[in-house]
């Protein structure tokens, strides 16, 4: 091979690989043995995926709730459950370790525990790594 052809091959090898961008996958099997279909022929398993923590069952976050009023005669403590509606899709939440003295409007700290997880058939947002060997599962996907 002549030098010009060899140089051309070296330039060709250095070309940037096209970025595929975010992909839409479908959960075939939920965690812990997760499988996600990508198109008709590719199935990703837990070795191929890096999952965002908040899509897992039992994920917890520390929260601060403000403007809460306890109109009772004694201190309220324990767990508080609530249901959020609207956008994003409606979800149930539980705050554990909730406490608020009687007759106060205050802020309270607690733990928000997600009680839902990925389910079979859920659409998920996948972002491929630069080498397309791993996919970041960042969240559920919804259409409005």
C-alpha atoms as a PDB file:
ATOM      1  CA  UNK A   1       0.000   0.000   0.000  1.00  0.00           C
ATOM      2  CA  UNK A   2       1.358   3.421  -0.873  1.00  0.00           C
ATOM      3  CA  UNK A   3       1.906   6.155   1.713  1.00  0.00           C
ATOM      4  CA  UNK A   4      -1.078   8.256   0.604  1.00  0.00           C
ATOM      5  CA  UNK A   5      -3.480   5.317   0.973  1.00  0.00           C
ATOM      6  CA  UNK A   6      -2.042   4.490   4.378  1.00  0.00           C
ATOM      7  CA  UNK A   7      -2.423   8.116   5.476  1.00  0.00           C
ATOM      8  CA  UNK A   8      -6.032   8.125   4.236  1.00  0.00           C
ATOM      9  CA  UNK A   9      -6.768   4.983   6.278  1.00  0.00           C
ATOM     10  CA  UNK A  10      -5.306   6.609   9.401  1.00  0.00           C
ATOM     11  CA  UNK A  11      -7.571   9.638   8.931  1.00  0.00           C
ATOM     12  CA  UNK A  12     -10.580   7.373   8.380  1.00  0.00           C
ATOM     13  CA  UNK A  13      -9.891   5.522  11.645  1.00  0.00           C
ATOM     14  CA  UNK A  14      -9.887   8.839  13.538  1.00  0.00           C
ATOM     15  CA  UNK A  15     -13.298   9.953  12.319  1.00  0.00           C
ATOM     16  CA  UNK A  16     -15.733  10.551  15.114  1.00  0.00           C
ATOM     17  CA  UNK A  17     -18.321   7.890  15.693  1.00  0.00           C
ATOM     18  CA  UNK A  18     -21.839   9.233  15.279  1.00  0.00           C
ATOM     19  CA  UNK A  19     -23.588   9.760  18.590  1.00  0.00           C
ATOM     20  CA  UNK A  20     -26.857   7.831  18.640  1.00  0.00           C
ATOM     21  CA  UNK A  21     -28.552  10.072  21.222  1.00  0.00           C
ATOM     22  CA  UNK A  22     -31.193   9.020  23.736  1.00  0.00           C
ATOM     23  CA  UNK A  23     -33.078   5.825  22.918  1.00  0.00           C
ATOM     24  CA  UNK A  24     -36.460   4.503  24.011  1.00  0.00           C
ATOM     25  CA  UNK A  25     -36.437   1.023  25.527  1.00  0.00           C
ATOM     26  CA  UNK A  26     -39.119  -1.296  26.907  1.00  0.00           C
ATOM     27  CA  UNK A  27     -38.781  -3.136  30.228  1.00  0.00           C
ATOM     28  CA  UNK A  28     -39.034  -6.867  29.557  1.00  0.00           C
ATOM     29  CA  UNK A  29     -38.176  -7.941  33.092  1.00  0.00           C
ATOM     30  CA  UNK A  30     -38.076  -5.565  36.105  1.00  0.00           C
ATOM     31  CA  UNK A  31     -35.209  -5.285  38.619  1.00  0.00           C
ATOM     32  CA  UNK A  32     -33.371  -7.006  40.180  1.00  0.00           C
ATOM     33  CA  UNK A  33     -32.880  -9.167  37.059  1.00  0.00           C
ATOM     34  CA  UNK A  34     -33.689  -6.348  34.693  1.00  0.00           C
ATOM     35  CA  UNK A  35     -33.937  -6.827  30.944  1.00  0.00           C
ATOM     36  CA  UNK A  36     -34.727  -3.977  28.562  1.00  0.00           C
ATOM     37  CA  UNK A  37     -35.552  -4.334  24.886  1.00  0.00           C
ATOM     38  CA  UNK A  38     -33.976  -1.823  22.552  1.00  0.00           C
ATOM     39  CA  UNK A  39     -35.692  -2.124  19.193  1.00  0.00           C
ATOM     40  CA  UNK A  40     -36.697  -5.573  17.976  1.00  0.00           C
ATOM     41  CA  UNK A  41     -33.356  -7.361  18.239  1.00  0.00           C
ATOM     42  CA  UNK A  42     -31.340  -5.995  21.160  1.00  0.00           C
ATOM     43  CA  UNK A  43     -31.943  -7.074  24.756  1.00  0.00           C
ATOM     44  CA  UNK A  44     -29.951  -5.312  27.474  1.00  0.00           C
ATOM     45  CA  UNK A  45     -29.502  -6.922  30.891  1.00  0.00           C
ATOM     46  CA  UNK A  46     -28.048  -5.675  34.170  1.00  0.00           C
ATOM     47  CA  UNK A  47     -24.504  -6.095  32.820  1.00  0.00           C
ATOM     48  CA  UNK A  48     -25.307  -3.636  30.007  1.00  0.00           C
ATOM     49  CA  UNK A  49     -27.213  -1.078  32.089  1.00  0.00           C
ATOM     50  CA  UNK A  50     -26.388   1.614  34.616  1.00  0.00           C
ATOM     51  CA  UNK A  51     -29.635   2.495  36.408  1.00  0.00           C
ATOM     52  CA  UNK A  52     -30.590   5.753  38.063  1.00  0.00           C
ATOM     53  CA  UNK A  53     -31.291   4.998  41.734  1.00  0.00           C
ATOM     54  CA  UNK A  54     -34.737   6.614  41.762  1.00  0.00           C
ATOM     55  CA  UNK A  55     -36.231   4.013  39.394  1.00  0.00           C
ATOM     56  CA  UNK A  56     -35.601   1.225  41.901  1.00  0.00           C
ATOM     57  CA  UNK A  57     -38.120  -0.029  44.459  1.00  0.00           C
ATOM     58  CA  UNK A  58     -37.432   1.272  47.953  1.00  0.00           C
ATOM     59  CA  UNK A  59     -35.345   4.250  46.835  1.00  0.00           C
ATOM     60  CA  UNK A  60     -35.321   6.880  49.585  1.00  0.00           C
ATOM     61  CA  UNK A  61     -34.466  10.587  49.745  1.00  0.00           C
ATOM     62  CA  UNK A  62     -34.308  12.986  52.631  1.00  0.00           C
ATOM     63  CA  UNK A  63     -36.898  15.773  52.367  1.00  0.00           C
ATOM     64  CA  UNK A  64     -37.972  18.952  54.079  1.00  0.00           C
ATOM     65  CA  UNK A  65     -41.687  19.814  54.053  1.00  0.00           C
ATOM     66  CA  UNK A  66     -42.710  23.386  54.865  1.00  0.00           C
ATOM     67  CA  UNK A  67     -46.060  25.040  55.598  1.00  0.00           C
ATOM     68  CA  UNK A  68     -47.523  21.990  57.325  1.00  0.00           C
ATOM     69  CA  UNK A  69     -50.015  22.723  60.132  1.00  0.00           C
ATOM     70  CA  UNK A  70     -50.832  20.360  62.992  1.00  0.00           C
ATOM     71  CA  UNK A  71     -54.209  21.503  64.384  1.00  0.00           C
ATOM     72  CA  UNK A  72     -54.392  18.611  66.859  1.00  0.00           C
ATOM     73  CA  UNK A  73     -53.819  18.742  70.592  1.00  0.00           C
ATOM     74  CA  UNK A  74     -50.812  16.450  70.599  1.00  0.00           C
ATOM     75  CA  UNK A  75     -47.646  16.019  68.644  1.00  0.00           C
ATOM     76  CA  UNK A  76     -47.993  14.163  65.350  1.00  0.00           C
ATOM     77  CA  UNK A  77     -45.321  11.662  64.486  1.00  0.00           C
ATOM     78  CA  UNK A  78     -44.869   8.518  62.485  1.00  0.00           C
ATOM     79  CA  UNK A  79     -45.422   8.126  58.762  1.00  0.00           C
ATOM     80  CA  UNK A  80     -47.257  10.394  56.352  1.00  0.00           C
ATOM     81  CA  UNK A  81     -48.566   9.102  53.040  1.00  0.00           C
ATOM     82  CA  UNK A  82     -49.681  11.278  50.159  1.00  0.00           C
ATOM     83  CA  UNK A  83     -50.553  11.021  46.501  1.00  0.00           C
ATOM     84  CA  UNK A  84     -49.230  13.491  43.922  1.00  0.00           C
ATOM     85  CA  UNK A  85     -51.297  14.095  40.822  1.00  0.00           C
ATOM     86  CA  UNK A  86     -50.584  15.847  37.560  1.00  0.00           C
ATOM     87  CA  UNK A  87     -47.319  15.909  35.673  1.00  0.00           C
ATOM     88  CA  UNK A  88     -45.242  13.715  36.039  1.00  0.00           C
ATOM     89  CA  UNK A  89     -47.697  10.829  36.235  1.00  0.00           C
ATOM     90  CA  UNK A  90     -49.504  10.411  39.587  1.00  0.00           C
ATOM     91  CA  UNK A  91     -47.517   8.554  42.240  1.00  0.00           C
ATOM     92  CA  UNK A  92     -47.916   7.486  45.862  1.00  0.00           C
ATOM     93  CA  UNK A  93     -45.273   8.545  48.371  1.00  0.00           C
ATOM     94  CA  UNK A  94     -44.612   7.768  52.018  1.00  0.00           C
ATOM     95  CA  UNK A  95     -42.604   9.973  54.369  1.00  0.00           C
ATOM     96  CA  UNK A  96     -41.162   8.026  57.287  1.00  0.00           C
ATOM     97  CA  UNK A  97     -39.920   9.563  60.525  1.00  0.00           C
ATOM     98  CA  UNK A  98     -42.333  12.514  60.224  1.00  0.00           C
ATOM     99  CA  UNK A  99     -42.849  14.664  63.351  1.00  0.00           C
ATOM    100  CA  UNK A 100     -44.674  17.954  63.989  1.00  0.00           C
ATOM    101  CA  UNK A 101     -45.551  19.487  67.411  1.00  0.00           C
ATOM    102  CA  UNK A 102     -49.218  20.316  68.106  1.00  0.00           C
ATOM    103  CA  UNK A 103     -50.592  23.735  67.146  1.00  0.00           C
ATOM    104  CA  UNK A 104     -47.693  24.651  64.889  1.00  0.00           C
ATOM    105  CA  UNK A 105     -47.125  25.546  61.311  1.00  0.00           C
ATOM    106  CA  UNK A 106     -43.629  24.523  60.610  1.00  0.00           C
ATOM    107  CA  UNK A 107     -41.243  22.638  58.507  1.00  0.00           C
ATOM    108  CA  UNK A 108     -40.551  18.999  59.043  1.00  0.00           C
ATOM    109  CA  UNK A 109     -37.853  16.709  57.844  1.00  0.00           C
ATOM    110  CA  UNK A 110     -38.288  13.105  56.898  1.00  0.00           C
ATOM    111  CA  UNK A 111     -37.556  10.466  54.325  1.00  0.00           C
ATOM    112  CA  UNK A 112     -39.461  10.119  51.065  1.00  0.00           C
ATOM    113  CA  UNK A 113     -39.664   6.477  50.034  1.00  0.00           C
ATOM    114  CA  UNK A 114     -40.642   5.536  46.492  1.00  0.00           C
ATOM    115  CA  UNK A 115     -42.975   2.558  46.482  1.00  0.00           C
ATOM    116  CA  UNK A 116     -43.082   2.043  42.744  1.00  0.00           C
ATOM    117  CA  UNK A 117     -40.413   0.620  40.517  1.00  0.00           C
ATOM    118  CA  UNK A 118     -39.970  -0.321  36.903  1.00  0.00           C
ATOM    119  CA  UNK A 119     -42.593  -2.758  35.668  1.00  0.00           C
ATOM    120  CA  UNK A 120     -42.826  -4.993  32.636  1.00  0.00           C
ATOM    121  CA  UNK A 121     -43.927  -2.930  29.640  1.00  0.00           C
ATOM    122  CA  UNK A 122     -42.694   0.421  30.997  1.00  0.00           C
ATOM    123  CA  UNK A 123     -40.989   2.648  28.453  1.00  0.00           C
ATOM    124  CA  UNK A 124     -37.607   3.923  29.651  1.00  0.00           C
ATOM    125  CA  UNK A 125     -35.109   6.535  28.489  1.00  0.00           C
ATOM    126  CA  UNK A 126     -31.721   5.060  27.638  1.00  0.00           C
ATOM    127  CA  UNK A 127     -28.575   7.037  26.856  1.00  0.00           C
ATOM    128  CA  UNK A 128     -25.714   5.082  25.278  1.00  0.00           C
ATOM    129  CA  UNK A 129     -22.150   5.471  26.503  1.00  0.00           C
ATOM    130  CA  UNK A 130     -19.606   6.799  24.005  1.00  0.00           C
ATOM    131  CA  UNK A 131     -18.595   3.284  22.995  1.00  0.00           C
ATOM    132  CA  UNK A 132     -22.228   2.022  22.916  1.00  0.00           C
ATOM    133  CA  UNK A 133     -21.288  -0.806  25.291  1.00  0.00           C
ATOM    134  CA  UNK A 134     -23.304   0.439  28.286  1.00  0.00           C
ATOM    135  CA  UNK A 135     -26.615   2.266  28.491  1.00  0.00           C
ATOM    136  CA  UNK A 136     -27.690   4.678  31.211  1.00  0.00           C
ATOM    137  CA  UNK A 137     -31.307   4.055  32.182  1.00  0.00           C
ATOM    138  CA  UNK A 138     -32.254   7.511  33.433  1.00  0.00           C
ATOM    139  CA  UNK A 139     -36.026   7.386  33.950  1.00  0.00           C
ATOM    140  CA  UNK A 140     -39.420   6.158  32.852  1.00  0.00           C
ATOM    141  CA  UNK A 141     -40.671   7.749  29.653  1.00  0.00           C
ATOM    142  CA  UNK A 142     -44.205   9.096  29.322  1.00  0.00           C
ATOM    143  CA  UNK A 143     -46.154  10.661  26.470  1.00  0.00           C
ATOM    144  CA  UNK A 144     -48.560  13.469  27.153  1.00  0.00           C
END
